[in-house]
Every structure is written in structure tokens, then in C-alpha cells.
């Protein structure tokens, strides 16, 4: 993994990151609404799944381009104590894991791409963990969480119905403003006769 450059030599990350073998509650986001009422992983359970997450994200290159590191490292970054992933096993079905992503800012432009990449990494490499399905949602703190979560639900529905991770390029695209507002195309809104 790439560290932060330092004008004083080294990677500049000394003391800025917790270890992958540590669970530091004050350096991870609090469980949000998507995890409410389910068995939230903490301690060794969180560490075990998060270490696997690092491997899967590395293999599938789920990288935060702002910080130029594997997205799993965000949980360990002490400068962003309320950002990263939290996990919970579903109350009625422990073979389903819920993962809630809290980005570093409420307007992080990579949130959709990172969440979709996470879905694909966890579910595309499901033979590497004990869950039949990993469901992903974005924390409500993100200003576009509703639109992003709708797309994640669609991706999840496709995954459940086909048994494989969809590779539809449209699932990677940010929802268009008209989709977010629930509007349809028409004259002046990118309809079939629009020049671009």
C-alpha cells in the first residue's frame, strides 16, 4: 500500500494509522441505521473480517483515490475517526452480512464508486468468507445517500436473482440528477432528441 509522502523522508504515516490487528472503537464510525438491530461486529470479529476485506479490496483494487490507498485502510486512519466500514450480521440470517460505509465527508464524490466496488469485491470473492451475501449501504450522513443506496439495492437484487455479481457499466455510473429527483427524460432533459 502507498503511504502519504513526507517532506522529511519516509512515508509520513508514522502514528497516523492503527494496525489491521487492532479494533479501536473511537477510530471507526458508530453503527448507523442500516446496522441497527443487527449483531454489530466488534473486537476480534471486526478485525478478522476487516483483515479479509483488506485482501479482497487489494485484489479487486478498491482504492480511495484521494488518499491513494486501499479503502480498508480508511478504518485505520486516525485523521478520519468517523469514516470507514462497520459490519453486522443480520439478526434473522447470520449468513448475510451488512456493511455500512461512512465516507470522510458528506459530499465525497467517490462514495458511489467505492460502495459499488465493495459490493463487487465481497460478493465476487464470496468463496473467501463465510457469508452468502454482503449487503452494502452508505451512511445517511452523505448528502446523496438515498440515491446511492437505491442503486446499491438494485445491484443487490440483481445479485440475488442471478447468483453472480452484475457487471453492468451503468451500475458504476453516478445516478443522474433526473434519477435522483425521480424525474423522467423529456424535452430539455436529455431526451432522445437532445444533441448531447
N, C-alpha and C. Protein backbone atom coordinates (compact mmCIF):
# COMPACT_ATOMS: atom_id res chain seq x y z
N UNK A 1 0.82 -1.17 0.00
CA UNK A 1 0.00 0.00 0.00
C UNK A 1 0.87 1.24 0.00
N UNK A 2 0.37 2.27 -0.60
CA UNK A 2 1.10 3.51 -0.70
C UNK A 2 0.80 4.36 0.52
N UNK A 3 1.82 4.95 1.12
CA UNK A 3 1.63 5.85 2.25
C UNK A 3 1.61 7.29 1.79
N UNK A 4 1.49 8.19 2.72
CA UNK A 4 1.50 9.60 2.40
C UNK A 4 2.94 10.09 2.31
N UNK A 5 3.28 10.85 1.27
CA UNK A 5 4.63 11.36 1.16
C UNK A 5 4.91 12.37 2.28
N UNK A 6 6.15 12.43 2.71
CA UNK A 6 6.54 13.36 3.75
C UNK A 6 7.77 14.13 3.29
N UNK A 7 7.81 15.44 3.53
CA UNK A 7 9.00 16.20 3.14
C UNK A 7 10.21 15.84 3.99
N UNK A 8 10.00 15.07 5.06
CA UNK A 8 11.09 14.70 5.96
C UNK A 8 11.57 13.28 5.75
N UNK A 9 11.15 12.65 4.67
CA UNK A 9 11.54 11.27 4.38
C UNK A 9 10.54 10.30 4.94
N UNK A 10 10.61 9.05 4.51
CA UNK A 10 9.66 8.02 4.94
C UNK A 10 8.32 8.23 4.27
N UNK A 11 7.33 7.50 4.75
CA UNK A 11 6.01 7.58 4.13
C UNK A 11 5.14 8.63 4.77
N UNK A 12 5.56 9.16 5.91
CA UNK A 12 4.77 10.20 6.55
C UNK A 12 3.57 9.68 7.28
N UNK A 13 3.44 8.36 7.47
CA UNK A 13 2.25 7.85 8.14
C UNK A 13 2.53 7.30 9.54
N UNK A 14 3.71 7.59 10.08
CA UNK A 14 4.06 7.11 11.41
C UNK A 14 3.05 7.63 12.43
N UNK A 15 2.40 6.71 13.12
CA UNK A 15 1.45 7.07 14.15
C UNK A 15 0.10 7.53 13.66
N UNK A 16 -0.10 7.60 12.36
CA UNK A 16 -1.38 8.07 11.82
C UNK A 16 -2.39 6.96 11.62
N UNK A 17 -1.92 5.70 11.66
CA UNK A 17 -2.79 4.58 11.37
C UNK A 17 -2.75 3.55 12.50
N UNK A 18 -3.91 3.04 12.84
CA UNK A 18 -3.97 1.90 13.74
C UNK A 18 -3.55 0.67 12.94
N UNK A 19 -3.24 -0.43 13.62
CA UNK A 19 -2.88 -1.66 12.95
C UNK A 19 -4.11 -2.43 12.49
N UNK A 20 -3.94 -3.23 11.46
CA UNK A 20 -5.06 -4.06 11.00
C UNK A 20 -5.49 -5.06 12.05
N UNK A 21 -4.60 -5.36 13.00
CA UNK A 21 -4.94 -6.32 14.05
C UNK A 21 -5.54 -5.65 15.28
N UNK A 22 -5.89 -4.36 15.16
CA UNK A 22 -6.47 -3.62 16.29
C UNK A 22 -7.90 -3.21 15.99
N UNK A 23 -8.73 -3.22 17.03
CA UNK A 23 -10.07 -2.64 16.93
C UNK A 23 -10.09 -1.48 17.92
N UNK A 24 -10.09 -0.26 17.40
CA UNK A 24 -10.09 0.95 18.23
C UNK A 24 -11.44 1.64 18.02
N UNK A 25 -12.39 1.42 18.93
CA UNK A 25 -13.75 1.93 18.73
C UNK A 25 -13.84 3.42 18.42
N UNK A 26 -12.96 4.22 19.02
CA UNK A 26 -13.04 5.67 18.78
C UNK A 26 -12.46 6.07 17.42
N UNK A 27 -11.91 5.12 16.67
CA UNK A 27 -11.36 5.41 15.35
C UNK A 27 -12.17 4.79 14.21
N UNK A 28 -13.36 4.30 14.51
CA UNK A 28 -14.25 3.76 13.48
C UNK A 28 -15.61 4.43 13.64
N UNK A 29 -16.39 4.48 12.56
CA UNK A 29 -17.70 5.13 12.68
C UNK A 29 -18.63 4.36 13.61
N UNK A 30 -19.54 5.09 14.23
CA UNK A 30 -20.58 4.44 15.01
C UNK A 30 -21.51 3.72 14.04
N UNK A 31 -22.05 2.58 14.44
CA UNK A 31 -23.01 1.89 13.56
C UNK A 31 -24.22 2.79 13.28
N UNK A 32 -24.61 2.84 12.02
CA UNK A 32 -25.73 3.69 11.62
C UNK A 32 -27.03 2.90 11.46
N UNK A 33 -27.99 3.54 10.83
CA UNK A 33 -29.34 2.99 10.71
C UNK A 33 -29.38 1.63 10.01
N UNK A 34 -28.52 1.40 9.02
CA UNK A 34 -28.54 0.13 8.28
C UNK A 34 -28.15 -1.05 9.16
N UNK A 35 -27.40 -0.78 10.20
CA UNK A 35 -26.94 -1.85 11.10
C UNK A 35 -27.79 -1.97 12.36
N UNK A 36 -28.68 -1.04 12.56
CA UNK A 36 -29.50 -1.00 13.77
C UNK A 36 -30.31 -2.28 13.93
N UNK A 37 -30.23 -2.88 15.10
CA UNK A 37 -31.00 -4.09 15.39
C UNK A 37 -30.33 -5.38 14.96
N UNK A 38 -29.13 -5.29 14.40
CA UNK A 38 -28.40 -6.46 13.95
C UNK A 38 -27.15 -6.64 14.82
N UNK A 39 -26.47 -7.79 14.71
CA UNK A 39 -25.31 -8.07 15.54
C UNK A 39 -24.07 -7.40 14.95
N UNK A 40 -23.75 -6.23 15.49
CA UNK A 40 -22.61 -5.44 15.00
C UNK A 40 -21.32 -6.14 15.40
N UNK A 41 -20.42 -6.29 14.43
CA UNK A 41 -19.13 -6.90 14.70
C UNK A 41 -18.23 -5.89 15.41
N UNK A 42 -17.56 -6.36 16.44
CA UNK A 42 -16.59 -5.53 17.15
C UNK A 42 -15.46 -6.43 17.60
N UNK A 43 -14.43 -5.84 18.15
CA UNK A 43 -13.31 -6.61 18.66
C UNK A 43 -12.72 -7.53 17.60
N UNK A 44 -12.44 -8.78 18.02
CA UNK A 44 -11.80 -9.76 17.13
C UNK A 44 -12.65 -10.08 15.90
N UNK A 45 -13.98 -10.08 16.05
CA UNK A 45 -14.86 -10.36 14.90
C UNK A 45 -14.70 -9.29 13.82
N UNK A 46 -14.68 -8.03 14.24
CA UNK A 46 -14.48 -6.93 13.29
C UNK A 46 -13.10 -7.04 12.64
N UNK A 47 -12.08 -7.26 13.46
CA UNK A 47 -10.71 -7.34 12.96
C UNK A 47 -10.56 -8.45 11.92
N UNK A 48 -11.12 -9.63 12.21
CA UNK A 48 -11.00 -10.77 11.30
C UNK A 48 -11.62 -10.45 9.94
N UNK A 49 -12.84 -9.90 9.95
CA UNK A 49 -13.48 -9.60 8.67
C UNK A 49 -12.78 -8.44 7.97
N UNK A 50 -12.31 -7.47 8.72
CA UNK A 50 -11.67 -6.31 8.09
C UNK A 50 -10.30 -6.68 7.50
N UNK A 51 -9.59 -7.60 8.12
CA UNK A 51 -8.32 -8.06 7.52
C UNK A 51 -8.59 -8.77 6.19
N UNK A 52 -9.65 -9.56 6.15
CA UNK A 52 -10.04 -10.20 4.89
C UNK A 52 -10.45 -9.14 3.87
N UNK A 53 -11.18 -8.12 4.34
CA UNK A 53 -11.59 -7.03 3.45
C UNK A 53 -10.38 -6.39 2.80
N UNK A 54 -9.32 -6.17 3.57
CA UNK A 54 -8.10 -5.58 3.00
C UNK A 54 -7.60 -6.44 1.84
N UNK A 55 -7.56 -7.75 2.03
CA UNK A 55 -7.08 -8.65 0.97
C UNK A 55 -7.98 -8.58 -0.27
N UNK A 56 -9.29 -8.63 -0.06
CA UNK A 56 -10.22 -8.62 -1.18
C UNK A 56 -10.19 -7.28 -1.92
N UNK A 57 -10.11 -6.19 -1.16
CA UNK A 57 -10.04 -4.86 -1.78
C UNK A 57 -8.73 -4.69 -2.54
N UNK A 58 -7.67 -5.28 -2.03
CA UNK A 58 -6.39 -5.21 -2.74
C UNK A 58 -6.49 -5.98 -4.06
N UNK A 59 -7.06 -7.16 -4.00
CA UNK A 59 -7.19 -7.99 -5.20
C UNK A 59 -8.07 -7.33 -6.24
N UNK A 60 -9.15 -6.67 -5.80
CA UNK A 60 -10.09 -6.02 -6.72
C UNK A 60 -9.83 -4.52 -6.89
N UNK A 61 -8.73 -4.03 -6.34
CA UNK A 61 -8.31 -2.63 -6.41
C UNK A 61 -9.41 -1.64 -6.02
N UNK A 62 -9.97 -1.86 -4.85
CA UNK A 62 -10.93 -0.90 -4.30
C UNK A 62 -10.09 0.12 -3.53
N UNK A 63 -9.72 1.18 -4.22
CA UNK A 63 -8.82 2.19 -3.67
C UNK A 63 -9.50 3.54 -3.56
N UNK A 64 -9.22 4.22 -2.47
CA UNK A 64 -9.65 5.61 -2.30
C UNK A 64 -8.62 6.46 -3.04
N UNK A 65 -9.03 7.08 -4.11
CA UNK A 65 -8.09 7.82 -4.95
C UNK A 65 -7.64 9.13 -4.30
N UNK A 66 -8.41 9.67 -3.37
CA UNK A 66 -7.99 10.88 -2.69
C UNK A 66 -6.74 10.62 -1.85
N UNK A 67 -6.75 9.50 -1.15
CA UNK A 67 -5.64 9.18 -0.25
C UNK A 67 -4.67 8.18 -0.86
N UNK A 68 -5.01 7.62 -2.02
CA UNK A 68 -4.17 6.66 -2.73
C UNK A 68 -3.83 5.45 -1.87
N UNK A 69 -4.89 4.89 -1.24
CA UNK A 69 -4.69 3.65 -0.51
C UNK A 69 -5.92 2.77 -0.57
N UNK A 70 -5.73 1.52 -0.26
CA UNK A 70 -6.79 0.53 -0.18
C UNK A 70 -7.86 1.07 0.74
N UNK A 71 -9.12 1.02 0.31
CA UNK A 71 -10.22 1.59 1.10
C UNK A 71 -10.29 1.02 2.51
N UNK A 72 -9.87 -0.22 2.70
CA UNK A 72 -9.91 -0.82 4.05
C UNK A 72 -9.03 -0.04 5.02
N UNK A 73 -8.02 0.64 4.52
CA UNK A 73 -7.13 1.40 5.40
C UNK A 73 -7.81 2.63 6.00
N UNK A 74 -8.89 3.08 5.40
CA UNK A 74 -9.61 4.24 5.93
C UNK A 74 -10.06 3.99 7.37
N UNK A 75 -10.45 2.76 7.69
CA UNK A 75 -10.85 2.43 9.06
C UNK A 75 -9.73 2.66 10.07
N UNK A 76 -8.50 2.64 9.60
CA UNK A 76 -7.34 2.73 10.49
C UNK A 76 -6.75 4.14 10.54
N UNK A 77 -7.24 5.03 9.69
CA UNK A 77 -6.70 6.38 9.56
C UNK A 77 -7.23 7.24 10.70
N UNK A 78 -6.35 7.60 11.64
CA UNK A 78 -6.78 8.34 12.83
C UNK A 78 -7.20 9.77 12.53
N UNK A 79 -6.90 10.25 11.33
CA UNK A 79 -7.33 11.61 10.94
C UNK A 79 -8.79 11.62 10.52
N UNK A 80 -9.37 10.45 10.28
CA UNK A 80 -10.77 10.35 9.86
C UNK A 80 -11.47 9.33 10.77
N UNK A 81 -11.61 9.70 12.03
CA UNK A 81 -12.07 8.76 13.05
C UNK A 81 -13.50 8.26 12.84
N UNK A 82 -14.31 9.00 12.11
CA UNK A 82 -15.70 8.59 11.91
C UNK A 82 -15.96 8.16 10.48
N UNK A 83 -14.94 7.64 9.82
CA UNK A 83 -15.09 7.21 8.43
C UNK A 83 -14.63 5.76 8.29
N UNK A 84 -15.21 5.08 7.32
CA UNK A 84 -14.84 3.70 7.04
C UNK A 84 -16.04 2.79 7.08
N UNK A 85 -15.78 1.50 7.26
CA UNK A 85 -16.84 0.49 7.28
C UNK A 85 -17.11 -0.02 8.68
N UNK A 86 -18.39 -0.29 8.95
CA UNK A 86 -18.82 -1.08 10.11
C UNK A 86 -19.64 -2.23 9.55
N UNK A 87 -19.64 -3.34 10.27
CA UNK A 87 -20.27 -4.57 9.80
C UNK A 87 -21.23 -5.12 10.85
N UNK A 88 -22.26 -5.82 10.37
CA UNK A 88 -23.19 -6.50 11.28
C UNK A 88 -23.77 -7.72 10.58
N UNK A 89 -23.91 -8.81 11.33
CA UNK A 89 -24.61 -9.98 10.81
C UNK A 89 -26.11 -9.75 10.97
N UNK A 90 -26.86 -10.11 9.94
CA UNK A 90 -28.31 -9.90 10.02
C UNK A 90 -28.90 -10.73 11.15
N UNK A 91 -29.78 -10.09 11.88
CA UNK A 91 -30.42 -10.71 13.04
C UNK A 91 -31.09 -12.02 12.70
N UNK A 92 -31.83 -12.09 11.60
CA UNK A 92 -32.60 -13.28 11.23
C UNK A 92 -31.86 -14.23 10.30
N UNK A 93 -30.70 -13.81 9.81
CA UNK A 93 -29.94 -14.65 8.89
C UNK A 93 -28.45 -14.33 9.00
N UNK A 94 -27.73 -15.03 9.88
CA UNK A 94 -26.31 -14.73 10.07
C UNK A 94 -25.42 -15.07 8.88
N UNK A 95 -26.00 -15.62 7.80
CA UNK A 95 -25.21 -15.85 6.59
C UNK A 95 -25.17 -14.60 5.71
N UNK A 96 -25.88 -13.55 6.15
CA UNK A 96 -25.89 -12.27 5.43
C UNK A 96 -25.19 -11.23 6.31
N UNK A 97 -24.22 -10.56 5.71
CA UNK A 97 -23.50 -9.50 6.42
C UNK A 97 -23.93 -8.16 5.86
N UNK A 98 -24.17 -7.22 6.74
CA UNK A 98 -24.45 -5.84 6.35
C UNK A 98 -23.18 -5.03 6.54
N UNK A 99 -22.86 -4.20 5.57
CA UNK A 99 -21.69 -3.33 5.66
C UNK A 99 -22.15 -1.90 5.36
N UNK A 100 -21.86 -1.01 6.28
CA UNK A 100 -22.26 0.38 6.13
C UNK A 100 -21.02 1.25 5.99
N UNK A 101 -20.97 1.99 4.89
CA UNK A 101 -19.82 2.83 4.58
C UNK A 101 -20.11 4.28 4.95
N UNK A 102 -19.24 4.84 5.77
CA UNK A 102 -19.31 6.26 6.11
C UNK A 102 -18.11 6.93 5.46
N UNK A 103 -18.34 7.78 4.45
CA UNK A 103 -17.22 8.47 3.80
C UNK A 103 -16.65 9.57 4.70
N UNK A 104 -15.50 10.10 4.31
CA UNK A 104 -14.82 11.11 5.12
C UNK A 104 -15.58 12.43 5.18
N UNK A 105 -16.33 12.75 4.14
CA UNK A 105 -17.10 13.99 4.12
C UNK A 105 -18.51 13.71 3.62
N UNK A 106 -19.47 14.56 3.95
CA UNK A 106 -20.84 14.35 3.48
C UNK A 106 -21.01 14.55 1.98
N UNK A 107 -19.97 15.03 1.31
CA UNK A 107 -20.07 15.28 -0.14
C UNK A 107 -18.98 14.55 -0.92
N UNK A 108 -18.42 13.50 -0.36
CA UNK A 108 -17.34 12.74 -1.01
C UNK A 108 -17.80 12.26 -2.39
N UNK A 109 -17.13 12.69 -3.48
CA UNK A 109 -17.58 12.33 -4.82
C UNK A 109 -17.30 10.87 -5.20
N UNK A 110 -16.48 10.17 -4.43
CA UNK A 110 -16.15 8.78 -4.74
C UNK A 110 -17.07 7.77 -4.07
N UNK A 111 -17.99 8.22 -3.26
CA UNK A 111 -18.77 7.33 -2.42
C UNK A 111 -19.48 6.24 -3.22
N UNK A 112 -20.14 6.61 -4.30
CA UNK A 112 -20.87 5.63 -5.10
C UNK A 112 -19.92 4.58 -5.68
N UNK A 113 -18.84 5.03 -6.27
CA UNK A 113 -17.87 4.12 -6.89
C UNK A 113 -17.26 3.19 -5.86
N UNK A 114 -16.90 3.71 -4.70
CA UNK A 114 -16.30 2.88 -3.65
C UNK A 114 -17.29 1.85 -3.11
N UNK A 115 -18.54 2.25 -2.95
CA UNK A 115 -19.55 1.31 -2.44
C UNK A 115 -19.81 0.19 -3.45
N UNK A 116 -19.93 0.54 -4.73
CA UNK A 116 -20.15 -0.48 -5.77
C UNK A 116 -18.94 -1.40 -5.86
N UNK A 117 -17.74 -0.84 -5.78
CA UNK A 117 -16.53 -1.66 -5.79
C UNK A 117 -16.49 -2.62 -4.62
N UNK A 118 -16.95 -2.16 -3.47
CA UNK A 118 -17.00 -3.02 -2.28
C UNK A 118 -17.97 -4.18 -2.47
N UNK A 119 -19.16 -3.89 -3.01
CA UNK A 119 -20.14 -4.94 -3.30
C UNK A 119 -19.51 -6.00 -4.18
N UNK A 120 -18.85 -5.56 -5.22
CA UNK A 120 -18.26 -6.50 -6.19
C UNK A 120 -17.12 -7.30 -5.57
N UNK A 121 -16.31 -6.67 -4.75
CA UNK A 121 -15.19 -7.39 -4.13
C UNK A 121 -15.70 -8.45 -3.16
N UNK A 122 -16.59 -8.06 -2.25
CA UNK A 122 -17.07 -9.02 -1.24
C UNK A 122 -17.90 -10.14 -1.86
N UNK A 123 -18.77 -9.81 -2.80
CA UNK A 123 -19.66 -10.82 -3.35
C UNK A 123 -19.05 -11.56 -4.53
N UNK A 124 -18.13 -10.94 -5.24
CA UNK A 124 -17.44 -11.61 -6.33
C UNK A 124 -16.40 -12.61 -5.84
N UNK A 125 -15.94 -12.43 -4.60
CA UNK A 125 -14.96 -13.34 -3.99
C UNK A 125 -15.56 -13.98 -2.74
N UNK A 126 -16.84 -14.33 -2.82
CA UNK A 126 -17.56 -14.84 -1.65
C UNK A 126 -17.05 -16.19 -1.17
N UNK A 127 -16.30 -16.89 -2.01
CA UNK A 127 -15.72 -18.17 -1.57
C UNK A 127 -14.63 -17.96 -0.52
N UNK A 128 -14.25 -16.72 -0.28
CA UNK A 128 -13.18 -16.41 0.67
C UNK A 128 -13.70 -16.05 2.06
N UNK A 129 -15.03 -15.98 2.23
CA UNK A 129 -15.57 -15.68 3.56
C UNK A 129 -16.80 -16.54 3.81
N UNK A 130 -17.37 -16.43 4.99
CA UNK A 130 -18.46 -17.31 5.42
C UNK A 130 -19.86 -16.77 5.16
N UNK A 131 -19.98 -15.70 4.39
CA UNK A 131 -21.29 -15.09 4.16
C UNK A 131 -21.79 -15.40 2.75
N UNK A 132 -23.08 -15.67 2.66
CA UNK A 132 -23.70 -15.91 1.35
C UNK A 132 -23.88 -14.62 0.58
N UNK A 133 -24.03 -13.53 1.32
CA UNK A 133 -24.28 -12.22 0.70
C UNK A 133 -23.74 -11.14 1.63
N UNK A 134 -23.10 -10.15 1.03
CA UNK A 134 -22.71 -8.95 1.78
C UNK A 134 -23.49 -7.80 1.17
N UNK A 135 -24.35 -7.20 1.99
CA UNK A 135 -25.18 -6.07 1.58
C UNK A 135 -24.47 -4.79 1.99
N UNK A 136 -24.44 -3.81 1.10
CA UNK A 136 -23.72 -2.56 1.36
C UNK A 136 -24.68 -1.38 1.25
N UNK A 137 -24.53 -0.45 2.19
CA UNK A 137 -25.26 0.82 2.13
C UNK A 137 -24.33 1.93 2.58
N UNK A 138 -24.66 3.13 2.16
CA UNK A 138 -23.91 4.33 2.53
C UNK A 138 -24.63 4.98 3.70
N UNK A 139 -23.88 5.45 4.68
CA UNK A 139 -24.45 6.11 5.86
C UNK A 139 -25.25 7.34 5.44
N UNK A 140 -26.27 7.64 6.19
CA UNK A 140 -27.15 8.76 5.87
C UNK A 140 -26.47 10.12 5.97
N UNK A 141 -25.28 10.15 6.50
CA UNK A 141 -24.56 11.42 6.61
C UNK A 141 -24.14 11.94 5.23
N UNK A 142 -24.09 11.08 4.22
CA UNK A 142 -23.71 11.53 2.87
C UNK A 142 -24.91 12.20 2.21
N UNK A 143 -24.69 13.33 1.57
CA UNK A 143 -25.80 14.11 1.01
C UNK A 143 -26.55 13.40 -0.12
N UNK A 144 -25.97 12.37 -0.72
CA UNK A 144 -26.65 11.63 -1.80
C UNK A 144 -26.90 10.18 -1.40
N UNK A 145 -26.95 9.91 -0.11
CA UNK A 145 -27.09 8.53 0.34
C UNK A 145 -28.35 7.85 -0.19
N UNK A 146 -29.46 8.57 -0.28
CA UNK A 146 -30.70 7.94 -0.77
C UNK A 146 -30.53 7.43 -2.20
N UNK A 147 -30.00 8.27 -3.09
CA UNK A 147 -29.83 7.87 -4.49
C UNK A 147 -28.80 6.75 -4.62
N UNK A 148 -27.70 6.86 -3.89
CA UNK A 148 -26.67 5.83 -3.96
C UNK A 148 -27.21 4.51 -3.42
N UNK A 149 -27.92 4.56 -2.31
CA UNK A 149 -28.45 3.33 -1.72
C UNK A 149 -29.50 2.67 -2.60
N UNK A 150 -30.26 3.46 -3.35
CA UNK A 150 -31.21 2.88 -4.31
C UNK A 150 -30.45 2.07 -5.36
N UNK A 151 -29.34 2.61 -5.86
CA UNK A 151 -28.54 1.89 -6.85
C UNK A 151 -27.93 0.63 -6.25
N UNK A 152 -27.50 0.72 -4.99
CA UNK A 152 -26.94 -0.46 -4.32
C UNK A 152 -28.00 -1.53 -4.12
N UNK A 153 -29.24 -1.13 -3.83
CA UNK A 153 -30.34 -2.10 -3.71
C UNK A 153 -30.60 -2.79 -5.04
N UNK A 154 -30.56 -2.04 -6.13
CA UNK A 154 -30.76 -2.63 -7.46
C UNK A 154 -29.66 -3.64 -7.76
N UNK A 155 -28.43 -3.29 -7.46
CA UNK A 155 -27.30 -4.19 -7.67
C UNK A 155 -27.48 -5.45 -6.83
N UNK A 156 -27.91 -5.28 -5.60
CA UNK A 156 -28.13 -6.42 -4.69
C UNK A 156 -29.26 -7.32 -5.22
N UNK A 157 -30.34 -6.72 -5.72
CA UNK A 157 -31.43 -7.52 -6.28
C UNK A 157 -30.96 -8.35 -7.46
N UNK A 158 -30.15 -7.75 -8.32
CA UNK A 158 -29.60 -8.49 -9.47
C UNK A 158 -28.71 -9.63 -8.99
N UNK A 159 -27.93 -9.37 -7.98
CA UNK A 159 -27.04 -10.39 -7.43
C UNK A 159 -27.85 -11.56 -6.87
N UNK A 160 -28.91 -11.25 -6.14
CA UNK A 160 -29.76 -12.31 -5.57
C UNK A 160 -30.46 -13.12 -6.65
N UNK A 161 -30.91 -12.44 -7.70
CA UNK A 161 -31.68 -13.15 -8.73
C UNK A 161 -30.80 -13.96 -9.67
N UNK A 162 -29.57 -13.51 -9.93
CA UNK A 162 -28.71 -14.21 -10.87
C UNK A 162 -27.66 -15.09 -10.19
N UNK A 163 -27.37 -14.80 -8.93
CA UNK A 163 -26.35 -15.56 -8.23
C UNK A 163 -24.93 -15.12 -8.55
N UNK A 164 -24.79 -14.08 -9.36
CA UNK A 164 -23.46 -13.56 -9.66
C UNK A 164 -23.48 -12.04 -9.61
N UNK A 165 -22.31 -11.47 -9.49
CA UNK A 165 -22.18 -10.02 -9.40
C UNK A 165 -22.38 -9.42 -10.79
N UNK A 166 -23.36 -8.56 -10.95
CA UNK A 166 -23.60 -7.94 -12.26
C UNK A 166 -22.41 -7.06 -12.67
N UNK A 167 -22.14 -7.04 -13.95
CA UNK A 167 -21.05 -6.21 -14.47
C UNK A 167 -21.60 -5.17 -15.43
N UNK A 168 -22.78 -4.67 -15.14
CA UNK A 168 -23.41 -3.64 -15.95
C UNK A 168 -22.68 -2.32 -15.74
N UNK A 169 -22.09 -1.75 -16.79
CA UNK A 169 -21.37 -0.49 -16.63
C UNK A 169 -22.26 0.61 -16.06
N UNK A 170 -23.55 0.55 -16.30
CA UNK A 170 -24.46 1.55 -15.77
C UNK A 170 -24.54 1.54 -14.26
N UNK A 171 -24.23 0.39 -13.64
CA UNK A 171 -24.27 0.31 -12.19
C UNK A 171 -23.12 1.09 -11.56
N UNK A 172 -22.06 1.36 -12.35
CA UNK A 172 -20.92 2.12 -11.83
C UNK A 172 -21.13 3.62 -11.95
N UNK A 173 -22.01 4.02 -12.84
CA UNK A 173 -22.19 5.45 -13.09
C UNK A 173 -22.94 6.10 -11.94
N UNK A 174 -22.57 7.33 -11.66
CA UNK A 174 -23.29 8.08 -10.65
C UNK A 174 -24.73 8.28 -11.14
N UNK A 175 -25.70 8.18 -10.24
CA UNK A 175 -27.07 8.44 -10.66
C UNK A 175 -27.18 9.87 -11.21
N UNK A 176 -27.85 10.00 -12.31
CA UNK A 176 -28.01 11.32 -12.93
C UNK A 176 -28.94 12.17 -12.09
N UNK A 177 -28.82 13.52 -12.18
CA UNK A 177 -29.69 14.39 -11.39
C UNK A 177 -31.17 14.08 -11.58
N UNK A 178 -31.59 13.76 -12.82
CA UNK A 178 -33.01 13.45 -13.06
C UNK A 178 -33.42 12.19 -12.31
N UNK A 179 -32.53 11.19 -12.23
CA UNK A 179 -32.84 9.98 -11.49
C UNK A 179 -32.98 10.28 -10.01
N UNK A 180 -32.08 11.12 -9.50
CA UNK A 180 -32.12 11.44 -8.07
C UNK A 180 -33.43 12.12 -7.71
N UNK A 181 -33.92 12.96 -8.60
CA UNK A 181 -35.15 13.69 -8.31
C UNK A 181 -36.38 12.88 -8.68
N UNK A 182 -36.20 11.71 -9.27
CA UNK A 182 -37.33 10.87 -9.66
C UNK A 182 -38.01 11.36 -10.93
N UNK A 183 -37.36 12.23 -11.70
CA UNK A 183 -37.95 12.76 -12.93
C UNK A 183 -37.63 11.84 -14.09
N UNK A 184 -38.38 11.95 -15.14
CA UNK A 184 -38.12 11.18 -16.35
C UNK A 184 -37.56 12.10 -17.42
N UNK A 185 -36.99 11.50 -18.44
CA UNK A 185 -36.45 12.30 -19.53
C UNK A 185 -37.58 12.91 -20.33
N UNK A 186 -37.28 14.01 -20.94
CA UNK A 186 -38.25 14.69 -21.78
C UNK A 186 -37.54 15.83 -22.48
N UNK A 187 -38.28 16.66 -23.22
CA UNK A 187 -37.66 17.78 -23.91
C UNK A 187 -36.88 18.64 -22.91
N UNK A 188 -35.67 18.97 -23.29
CA UNK A 188 -34.84 19.80 -22.43
C UNK A 188 -34.20 19.06 -21.27
N UNK A 189 -34.43 17.74 -21.18
CA UNK A 189 -33.86 16.98 -20.08
C UNK A 189 -33.07 15.78 -20.58
N UNK A 190 -32.39 15.91 -21.66
CA UNK A 190 -31.58 14.81 -22.16
C UNK A 190 -32.40 13.75 -22.86
N UNK A 191 -33.51 14.13 -23.47
CA UNK A 191 -34.35 13.18 -24.18
C UNK A 191 -33.67 12.63 -25.42
N UNK A 192 -34.34 11.77 -26.16
CA UNK A 192 -33.73 11.12 -27.31
C UNK A 192 -33.30 12.08 -28.41
N UNK A 193 -33.87 13.28 -28.46
CA UNK A 193 -33.50 14.22 -29.49
C UNK A 193 -32.47 15.24 -29.03
N UNK A 194 -32.00 15.12 -27.82
CA UNK A 194 -31.01 16.07 -27.31
C UNK A 194 -29.71 15.91 -28.07
N UNK A 195 -28.97 17.01 -28.33
CA UNK A 195 -27.77 16.92 -29.14
C UNK A 195 -26.64 16.20 -28.42
N UNK A 196 -26.62 16.19 -27.11
CA UNK A 196 -25.52 15.55 -26.38
C UNK A 196 -26.06 14.53 -25.41
